[in-house]
């Protein structure tokens, strides 16, 4: 830890705080192994929460950070948002492939038309949910400010 005065110590602690939330979000997106369970787990809701926490920190500390702290936080948020969008797209693709496979299987079985209607309904719900997630991660989103 640097010992060049309280400002450097504060900067060190701030960077450590950002790294903590960044690592948590990456772990929650399934990009890093959980050190406790030794498994790679994905929970996009938790990842979004960690990103939102960093956005809140960014908003609350605006104009009160050093240039280094500001750049570090902006870069961390950018990386997290891009990785989050990749994971959302990946999950949507997996669901689409699963739906296609189920659709093919149900066409061969009786009652396929009823099952297809349910699948179409689920697809629309998934699209709506993905759009909400996308809206949350858009730069300049006021969602995190409205929560305060």
N, C-alpha and C. Protein backbone atom coordinates (compact mmCIF):
# COMPACT_ATOMS: atom_id res chain seq x y z
N UNK A 1 0.85 -1.17 0.00
CA UNK A 1 0.00 0.00 0.00
C UNK A 1 0.89 1.24 0.00
N UNK A 2 0.55 2.24 -0.81
CA UNK A 2 1.35 3.45 -0.86
C UNK A 2 1.26 4.23 0.45
N UNK A 3 2.36 4.87 0.79
CA UNK A 3 2.40 5.65 2.02
C UNK A 3 2.75 7.09 1.73
N UNK A 4 2.21 7.66 0.66
CA UNK A 4 2.51 9.03 0.25
C UNK A 4 1.44 10.00 0.72
N UNK A 5 0.87 9.77 1.85
CA UNK A 5 -0.12 10.70 2.37
C UNK A 5 -1.52 10.19 2.24
N UNK A 6 -2.44 10.91 2.86
CA UNK A 6 -3.84 10.49 2.88
C UNK A 6 -4.50 10.43 1.51
N UNK A 7 -4.10 11.31 0.59
CA UNK A 7 -4.71 11.30 -0.74
C UNK A 7 -4.38 10.01 -1.48
N UNK A 8 -3.12 9.60 -1.45
CA UNK A 8 -2.72 8.36 -2.13
C UNK A 8 -3.36 7.15 -1.46
N UNK A 9 -3.46 7.19 -0.14
CA UNK A 9 -4.09 6.08 0.58
C UNK A 9 -5.57 5.99 0.20
N UNK A 10 -6.25 7.13 0.13
CA UNK A 10 -7.65 7.16 -0.26
C UNK A 10 -7.84 6.66 -1.68
N UNK A 11 -6.93 7.05 -2.58
CA UNK A 11 -7.01 6.59 -3.96
C UNK A 11 -6.84 5.08 -4.03
N UNK A 12 -5.89 4.58 -3.26
CA UNK A 12 -5.66 3.13 -3.21
C UNK A 12 -6.92 2.40 -2.76
N UNK A 13 -7.54 2.87 -1.71
CA UNK A 13 -8.75 2.24 -1.19
C UNK A 13 -9.92 2.35 -2.18
N UNK A 14 -10.02 3.48 -2.86
CA UNK A 14 -11.09 3.66 -3.83
C UNK A 14 -10.93 2.65 -4.98
N UNK A 15 -9.71 2.53 -5.48
CA UNK A 15 -9.43 1.58 -6.57
C UNK A 15 -9.75 0.15 -6.11
N UNK A 16 -9.40 -0.18 -4.87
CA UNK A 16 -9.70 -1.51 -4.33
C UNK A 16 -11.20 -1.74 -4.26
N UNK A 17 -11.97 -0.72 -3.89
CA UNK A 17 -13.42 -0.82 -3.84
C UNK A 17 -13.98 -1.12 -5.24
N UNK A 18 -13.51 -0.38 -6.22
CA UNK A 18 -13.96 -0.59 -7.60
C UNK A 18 -13.61 -2.01 -8.05
N UNK A 19 -12.40 -2.44 -7.76
CA UNK A 19 -11.96 -3.79 -8.15
C UNK A 19 -12.84 -4.85 -7.49
N UNK A 20 -13.24 -4.62 -6.26
CA UNK A 20 -14.09 -5.58 -5.55
C UNK A 20 -15.41 -5.77 -6.28
N UNK A 21 -16.07 -4.66 -6.64
CA UNK A 21 -17.34 -4.77 -7.35
C UNK A 21 -17.14 -5.30 -8.77
N UNK A 22 -16.03 -4.93 -9.39
CA UNK A 22 -15.74 -5.40 -10.75
C UNK A 22 -15.55 -6.92 -10.74
N UNK A 23 -14.77 -7.42 -9.80
CA UNK A 23 -14.53 -8.86 -9.71
C UNK A 23 -15.83 -9.61 -9.39
N UNK A 24 -16.64 -9.04 -8.51
CA UNK A 24 -17.92 -9.67 -8.18
C UNK A 24 -18.80 -9.77 -9.42
N UNK A 25 -18.89 -8.70 -10.18
CA UNK A 25 -19.72 -8.70 -11.39
C UNK A 25 -19.20 -9.71 -12.41
N UNK A 26 -17.90 -9.76 -12.59
CA UNK A 26 -17.33 -10.72 -13.55
C UNK A 26 -17.61 -12.15 -13.10
N UNK A 27 -17.52 -12.40 -11.82
CA UNK A 27 -17.83 -13.72 -11.28
C UNK A 27 -19.31 -14.03 -11.48
N UNK A 28 -20.17 -13.06 -11.25
CA UNK A 28 -21.61 -13.26 -11.39
C UNK A 28 -22.03 -13.45 -12.84
N UNK A 29 -21.22 -12.95 -13.77
CA UNK A 29 -21.50 -13.16 -15.19
C UNK A 29 -20.95 -14.49 -15.70
N UNK A 30 -20.26 -15.21 -14.83
CA UNK A 30 -19.68 -16.48 -15.23
C UNK A 30 -18.34 -16.34 -15.94
N UNK A 31 -17.71 -15.19 -15.78
CA UNK A 31 -16.41 -14.94 -16.42
C UNK A 31 -15.26 -15.37 -15.51
N UNK A 32 -15.53 -15.47 -14.21
CA UNK A 32 -14.52 -15.89 -13.24
C UNK A 32 -15.10 -17.00 -12.37
N UNK A 33 -14.22 -17.84 -11.86
CA UNK A 33 -14.62 -18.93 -10.98
C UNK A 33 -14.94 -18.38 -9.60
N UNK A 34 -15.99 -18.91 -8.98
CA UNK A 34 -16.32 -18.56 -7.61
C UNK A 34 -15.26 -19.20 -6.71
N UNK A 35 -14.54 -18.39 -5.94
CA UNK A 35 -13.45 -18.95 -5.13
C UNK A 35 -13.94 -19.85 -3.99
N UNK A 36 -15.19 -19.72 -3.61
CA UNK A 36 -15.72 -20.53 -2.52
C UNK A 36 -16.20 -21.88 -3.04
N UNK A 37 -17.02 -21.85 -4.09
CA UNK A 37 -17.58 -23.10 -4.62
C UNK A 37 -16.68 -23.77 -5.66
N UNK A 38 -15.71 -23.01 -6.16
CA UNK A 38 -14.81 -23.49 -7.22
C UNK A 38 -15.56 -23.81 -8.51
N UNK A 39 -16.70 -23.16 -8.69
CA UNK A 39 -17.51 -23.36 -9.89
C UNK A 39 -17.66 -22.03 -10.62
N UNK A 40 -17.91 -22.12 -11.91
CA UNK A 40 -18.25 -20.94 -12.70
C UNK A 40 -19.77 -20.86 -12.73
N UNK A 41 -20.30 -19.80 -12.14
CA UNK A 41 -21.75 -19.65 -12.02
C UNK A 41 -22.18 -18.36 -12.69
N UNK A 42 -23.39 -18.35 -13.22
CA UNK A 42 -23.89 -17.17 -13.91
C UNK A 42 -25.20 -16.72 -13.27
N UNK A 43 -25.23 -15.47 -12.82
CA UNK A 43 -26.44 -14.87 -12.28
C UNK A 43 -26.45 -13.42 -12.76
N UNK A 44 -27.11 -13.20 -13.88
CA UNK A 44 -27.08 -11.88 -14.51
C UNK A 44 -27.80 -10.81 -13.68
N UNK A 45 -28.77 -11.20 -12.88
CA UNK A 45 -29.42 -10.23 -12.00
C UNK A 45 -28.43 -9.70 -10.97
N UNK A 46 -27.65 -10.59 -10.38
CA UNK A 46 -26.64 -10.16 -9.41
C UNK A 46 -25.55 -9.32 -10.08
N UNK A 47 -25.17 -9.70 -11.29
CA UNK A 47 -24.17 -8.94 -12.03
C UNK A 47 -24.68 -7.53 -12.29
N UNK A 48 -25.94 -7.41 -12.68
CA UNK A 48 -26.53 -6.09 -12.92
C UNK A 48 -26.53 -5.27 -11.63
N UNK A 49 -26.78 -5.90 -10.51
CA UNK A 49 -26.76 -5.20 -9.22
C UNK A 49 -25.36 -4.65 -8.93
N UNK A 50 -24.34 -5.44 -9.17
CA UNK A 50 -22.96 -4.97 -8.93
C UNK A 50 -22.61 -3.81 -9.85
N UNK A 51 -23.03 -3.88 -11.10
CA UNK A 51 -22.79 -2.79 -12.05
C UNK A 51 -23.54 -1.54 -11.59
N UNK A 52 -24.78 -1.73 -11.15
CA UNK A 52 -25.57 -0.61 -10.65
C UNK A 52 -24.90 0.04 -9.43
N UNK A 53 -24.30 -0.76 -8.58
CA UNK A 53 -23.61 -0.21 -7.41
C UNK A 53 -22.44 0.67 -7.85
N UNK A 54 -21.69 0.23 -8.83
CA UNK A 54 -20.59 1.05 -9.34
C UNK A 54 -21.10 2.32 -9.99
N UNK A 55 -22.22 2.23 -10.70
CA UNK A 55 -22.80 3.43 -11.30
C UNK A 55 -23.24 4.41 -10.22
N UNK A 56 -23.80 3.90 -9.13
CA UNK A 56 -24.20 4.75 -8.03
C UNK A 56 -22.98 5.43 -7.42
N UNK A 57 -21.91 4.69 -7.24
CA UNK A 57 -20.67 5.26 -6.71
C UNK A 57 -20.17 6.35 -7.65
N UNK A 58 -20.23 6.08 -8.95
CA UNK A 58 -19.80 7.07 -9.93
C UNK A 58 -20.63 8.36 -9.80
N UNK A 59 -21.93 8.21 -9.69
CA UNK A 59 -22.82 9.37 -9.58
C UNK A 59 -22.59 10.14 -8.28
N UNK A 60 -22.40 9.44 -7.20
CA UNK A 60 -22.25 10.08 -5.89
C UNK A 60 -20.88 10.74 -5.71
N UNK A 61 -19.90 10.27 -6.45
CA UNK A 61 -18.54 10.83 -6.30
C UNK A 61 -18.16 11.76 -7.44
N UNK A 62 -19.11 12.06 -8.32
CA UNK A 62 -18.83 12.91 -9.47
C UNK A 62 -18.18 14.22 -9.02
N UNK A 63 -17.14 14.61 -9.72
CA UNK A 63 -16.37 15.84 -9.44
C UNK A 63 -15.64 15.80 -8.10
N UNK A 64 -15.50 14.62 -7.52
CA UNK A 64 -14.79 14.51 -6.25
C UNK A 64 -13.71 13.44 -6.30
N UNK A 65 -13.34 13.03 -7.51
CA UNK A 65 -12.32 12.00 -7.68
C UNK A 65 -11.12 12.56 -8.42
N UNK A 66 -9.98 11.92 -8.20
CA UNK A 66 -8.80 12.30 -8.98
C UNK A 66 -9.01 11.84 -10.42
N UNK A 67 -8.18 12.34 -11.31
CA UNK A 67 -8.27 11.95 -12.71
C UNK A 67 -8.06 10.44 -12.87
N UNK A 68 -7.11 9.91 -12.12
CA UNK A 68 -6.81 8.48 -12.15
C UNK A 68 -8.01 7.66 -11.68
N UNK A 69 -8.64 8.07 -10.58
CA UNK A 69 -9.80 7.36 -10.06
C UNK A 69 -10.96 7.40 -11.05
N UNK A 70 -11.19 8.57 -11.63
CA UNK A 70 -12.28 8.74 -12.59
C UNK A 70 -12.08 7.83 -13.79
N UNK A 71 -10.89 7.84 -14.36
CA UNK A 71 -10.61 7.01 -15.53
C UNK A 71 -10.73 5.52 -15.19
N UNK A 72 -10.23 5.13 -14.04
CA UNK A 72 -10.29 3.73 -13.63
C UNK A 72 -11.75 3.27 -13.51
N UNK A 73 -12.57 4.07 -12.86
CA UNK A 73 -13.97 3.72 -12.68
C UNK A 73 -14.71 3.68 -14.01
N UNK A 74 -14.47 4.66 -14.87
CA UNK A 74 -15.12 4.68 -16.19
C UNK A 74 -14.74 3.44 -17.00
N UNK A 75 -13.46 3.09 -16.97
CA UNK A 75 -12.99 1.93 -17.72
C UNK A 75 -13.61 0.63 -17.17
N UNK A 76 -13.66 0.52 -15.85
CA UNK A 76 -14.25 -0.68 -15.23
C UNK A 76 -15.72 -0.81 -15.62
N UNK A 77 -16.45 0.29 -15.57
CA UNK A 77 -17.87 0.26 -15.94
C UNK A 77 -18.05 -0.09 -17.42
N UNK A 78 -17.22 0.47 -18.27
CA UNK A 78 -17.31 0.17 -19.70
C UNK A 78 -17.10 -1.33 -19.94
N UNK A 79 -16.05 -1.88 -19.36
CA UNK A 79 -15.77 -3.32 -19.54
C UNK A 79 -16.91 -4.18 -19.02
N UNK A 80 -17.42 -3.82 -17.85
CA UNK A 80 -18.51 -4.61 -17.26
C UNK A 80 -19.77 -4.55 -18.13
N UNK A 81 -20.09 -3.38 -18.63
CA UNK A 81 -21.29 -3.24 -19.47
C UNK A 81 -21.16 -4.05 -20.75
N UNK A 82 -19.98 -4.02 -21.37
CA UNK A 82 -19.78 -4.77 -22.61
C UNK A 82 -19.87 -6.28 -22.35
N UNK A 83 -19.24 -6.73 -21.27
CA UNK A 83 -19.31 -8.16 -20.92
C UNK A 83 -20.74 -8.56 -20.57
N UNK A 84 -21.45 -7.69 -19.89
CA UNK A 84 -22.84 -7.98 -19.53
C UNK A 84 -23.69 -8.16 -20.78
N UNK A 85 -23.54 -7.24 -21.72
CA UNK A 85 -24.31 -7.35 -22.97
C UNK A 85 -23.97 -8.63 -23.72
N UNK A 86 -22.70 -9.02 -23.73
CA UNK A 86 -22.30 -10.28 -24.37
C UNK A 86 -23.00 -11.47 -23.71
N UNK A 87 -23.06 -11.46 -22.39
CA UNK A 87 -23.69 -12.57 -21.68
C UNK A 87 -25.19 -12.60 -21.92
N UNK A 88 -25.84 -11.44 -21.97
CA UNK A 88 -27.27 -11.39 -22.25
C UNK A 88 -27.54 -11.95 -23.65
N UNK A 89 -26.72 -11.53 -24.63
CA UNK A 89 -26.88 -12.04 -25.99
C UNK A 89 -26.66 -13.56 -26.04
N UNK A 90 -25.66 -14.02 -25.32
CA UNK A 90 -25.36 -15.45 -25.28
C UNK A 90 -26.54 -16.23 -24.69
N UNK A 91 -27.10 -15.72 -23.60
CA UNK A 91 -28.25 -16.38 -22.98
C UNK A 91 -29.45 -16.39 -23.91
N UNK A 92 -29.67 -15.28 -24.62
CA UNK A 92 -30.79 -15.22 -25.57
C UNK A 92 -30.60 -16.24 -26.69
N UNK A 93 -29.37 -16.36 -27.17
CA UNK A 93 -29.08 -17.33 -28.24
C UNK A 93 -29.32 -18.75 -27.75
N UNK A 94 -28.87 -19.04 -26.51
CA UNK A 94 -29.08 -20.38 -25.95
C UNK A 94 -30.56 -20.69 -25.81
N UNK A 95 -31.34 -19.70 -25.36
CA UNK A 95 -32.79 -19.90 -25.23
C UNK A 95 -33.43 -20.12 -26.59
N UNK A 96 -32.97 -19.36 -27.57
CA UNK A 96 -33.52 -19.49 -28.92
C UNK A 96 -33.24 -20.90 -29.46
N UNK A 97 -32.02 -21.39 -29.27
CA UNK A 97 -31.66 -22.73 -29.74
C UNK A 97 -32.48 -23.79 -29.00
N UNK A 98 -32.67 -23.59 -27.71
CA UNK A 98 -33.46 -24.52 -26.92
C UNK A 98 -34.91 -24.53 -27.39
N UNK A 99 -35.45 -23.34 -27.65
CA UNK A 99 -36.83 -23.23 -28.15
C UNK A 99 -36.98 -23.91 -29.50
N UNK A 100 -36.00 -23.71 -30.38
CA UNK A 100 -36.04 -24.33 -31.70
C UNK A 100 -36.03 -25.84 -31.57
N UNK A 101 -35.19 -26.34 -30.68
CA UNK A 101 -35.11 -27.79 -30.47
C UNK A 101 -36.43 -28.32 -29.92
N UNK A 102 -37.01 -27.60 -28.96
CA UNK A 102 -38.29 -28.04 -28.39
C UNK A 102 -39.40 -27.98 -29.43
N UNK A 103 -39.35 -26.96 -30.28
CA UNK A 103 -40.35 -26.81 -31.32
C UNK A 103 -40.31 -28.00 -32.28
N UNK A 104 -39.09 -28.40 -32.64
CA UNK A 104 -38.92 -29.54 -33.54
C UNK A 104 -39.45 -30.81 -32.88
N UNK A 105 -39.19 -30.96 -31.59
CA UNK A 105 -39.64 -32.15 -30.88
C UNK A 105 -41.16 -32.17 -30.75
N UNK A 106 -41.76 -31.00 -30.51
CA UNK A 106 -43.21 -30.95 -30.30
C UNK A 106 -43.98 -31.10 -31.61
N UNK A 107 -43.37 -30.77 -32.72
CA UNK A 107 -44.04 -30.95 -34.02
C UNK A 107 -44.31 -32.43 -34.28
N UNK A 108 -43.46 -33.27 -33.71
CA UNK A 108 -43.59 -34.70 -33.91
C UNK A 108 -44.61 -35.32 -32.96
N UNK A 109 -45.01 -34.57 -31.90
CA UNK A 109 -45.93 -35.12 -30.92
C UNK A 109 -47.31 -34.48 -31.04
N UNK A 110 -48.35 -35.16 -30.52
CA UNK A 110 -49.70 -34.58 -30.56
C UNK A 110 -49.79 -33.32 -29.70
N UNK A 111 -50.70 -32.43 -30.04
CA UNK A 111 -50.86 -31.19 -29.29
C UNK A 111 -49.78 -30.18 -29.56
N UNK A 112 -49.11 -30.27 -30.70
CA UNK A 112 -47.97 -29.41 -31.02
C UNK A 112 -48.40 -27.95 -31.17
N UNK A 113 -49.60 -27.73 -31.72
CA UNK A 113 -50.05 -26.36 -31.94
C UNK A 113 -50.19 -25.60 -30.62
N UNK A 114 -50.74 -26.25 -29.60
CA UNK A 114 -50.91 -25.61 -28.29
C UNK A 114 -49.56 -25.30 -27.67
N UNK A 115 -48.64 -26.23 -27.78
CA UNK A 115 -47.30 -26.05 -27.24
C UNK A 115 -46.57 -24.92 -27.96
N UNK A 116 -46.74 -24.81 -29.27
CA UNK A 116 -46.09 -23.74 -30.04
C UNK A 116 -46.60 -22.38 -29.61
N UNK A 117 -47.88 -22.27 -29.30
CA UNK A 117 -48.44 -20.99 -28.84
C UNK A 117 -47.80 -20.58 -27.52
N UNK A 118 -47.61 -21.54 -26.62
CA UNK A 118 -46.96 -21.26 -25.34
C UNK A 118 -45.52 -20.82 -25.56
N UNK A 119 -44.83 -21.47 -26.48
CA UNK A 119 -43.44 -21.10 -26.77
C UNK A 119 -43.36 -19.71 -27.35
N UNK A 120 -44.28 -19.36 -28.24
CA UNK A 120 -44.30 -18.01 -28.81
C UNK A 120 -44.51 -16.98 -27.72
N UNK A 121 -45.40 -17.29 -26.79
CA UNK A 121 -45.67 -16.40 -25.67
C UNK A 121 -44.40 -16.22 -24.83
N UNK A 122 -43.68 -17.31 -24.58
CA UNK A 122 -42.44 -17.26 -23.80
C UNK A 122 -41.37 -16.45 -24.53
N UNK A 123 -41.29 -16.61 -25.82
CA UNK A 123 -40.31 -15.86 -26.61
C UNK A 123 -40.56 -14.36 -26.49
N UNK A 124 -41.83 -13.96 -26.53
CA UNK A 124 -42.17 -12.55 -26.41
C UNK A 124 -41.78 -12.03 -25.03
N UNK A 125 -42.03 -12.82 -23.99
CA UNK A 125 -41.63 -12.43 -22.63
C UNK A 125 -40.12 -12.29 -22.54
N UNK A 126 -39.39 -13.21 -23.15
CA UNK A 126 -37.92 -13.16 -23.15
C UNK A 126 -37.43 -11.90 -23.86
N UNK A 127 -38.06 -11.56 -24.99
CA UNK A 127 -37.67 -10.36 -25.72
C UNK A 127 -37.91 -9.11 -24.88
N UNK A 128 -39.06 -9.06 -24.21
CA UNK A 128 -39.38 -7.91 -23.36
C UNK A 128 -38.37 -7.80 -22.22
N UNK A 129 -38.03 -8.93 -21.62
CA UNK A 129 -37.07 -8.94 -20.52
C UNK A 129 -35.69 -8.49 -21.00
N UNK A 130 -35.28 -8.98 -22.16
CA UNK A 130 -33.97 -8.59 -22.71
C UNK A 130 -33.93 -7.11 -23.02
N UNK A 131 -35.03 -6.57 -23.52
CA UNK A 131 -35.08 -5.13 -23.82
C UNK A 131 -34.94 -4.33 -22.53
N UNK A 132 -35.60 -4.77 -21.46
CA UNK A 132 -35.48 -4.08 -20.18
C UNK A 132 -34.03 -4.10 -19.69
N UNK A 133 -33.36 -5.27 -19.82
CA UNK A 133 -31.97 -5.39 -19.39
C UNK A 133 -31.08 -4.48 -20.23
N UNK A 134 -31.36 -4.42 -21.53
CA UNK A 134 -30.57 -3.57 -22.43
C UNK A 134 -30.74 -2.11 -22.05
N UNK A 135 -31.98 -1.72 -21.75
CA UNK A 135 -32.26 -0.34 -21.37
C UNK A 135 -31.53 0.03 -20.08
N UNK A 136 -31.39 -0.91 -19.16
CA UNK A 136 -30.69 -0.65 -17.90
C UNK A 136 -29.21 -0.36 -18.13
N UNK A 137 -28.63 -1.01 -19.13
CA UNK A 137 -27.18 -0.91 -19.33
C UNK A 137 -26.79 0.18 -20.30
N UNK A 138 -27.76 0.90 -20.84
CA UNK A 138 -27.45 1.98 -21.78
C UNK A 138 -26.74 3.11 -21.05
N UNK A 139 -25.64 3.63 -21.61
CA UNK A 139 -24.98 4.78 -20.98
C UNK A 139 -25.96 5.94 -20.89
N UNK A 140 -25.90 6.63 -19.76
CA UNK A 140 -26.77 7.77 -19.56
C UNK A 140 -28.14 7.36 -19.04
N UNK A 141 -28.30 6.07 -18.70
CA UNK A 141 -29.57 5.60 -18.17
C UNK A 141 -29.82 6.24 -16.83
N UNK A 142 -31.01 6.64 -16.58
CA UNK A 142 -31.35 7.30 -15.34
C UNK A 142 -31.89 6.31 -14.31
N UNK A 143 -31.91 5.02 -14.61
CA UNK A 143 -32.44 4.02 -13.69
C UNK A 143 -31.71 4.07 -12.36
N UNK A 144 -30.39 4.15 -12.39
CA UNK A 144 -29.64 4.13 -11.13
C UNK A 144 -29.87 5.42 -10.36
N UNK A 145 -30.13 6.53 -11.05
CA UNK A 145 -30.39 7.77 -10.36
C UNK A 145 -31.78 7.78 -9.75
N UNK A 146 -32.73 7.11 -10.41
CA UNK A 146 -34.08 7.08 -9.89
C UNK A 146 -34.17 6.22 -8.65
N UNK A 147 -33.28 5.24 -8.51
CA UNK A 147 -33.30 4.37 -7.35
C UNK A 147 -32.82 5.08 -6.10
N UNK A 148 -32.02 6.12 -6.25
CA UNK A 148 -31.45 6.81 -5.10
C UNK A 148 -32.49 7.47 -4.24
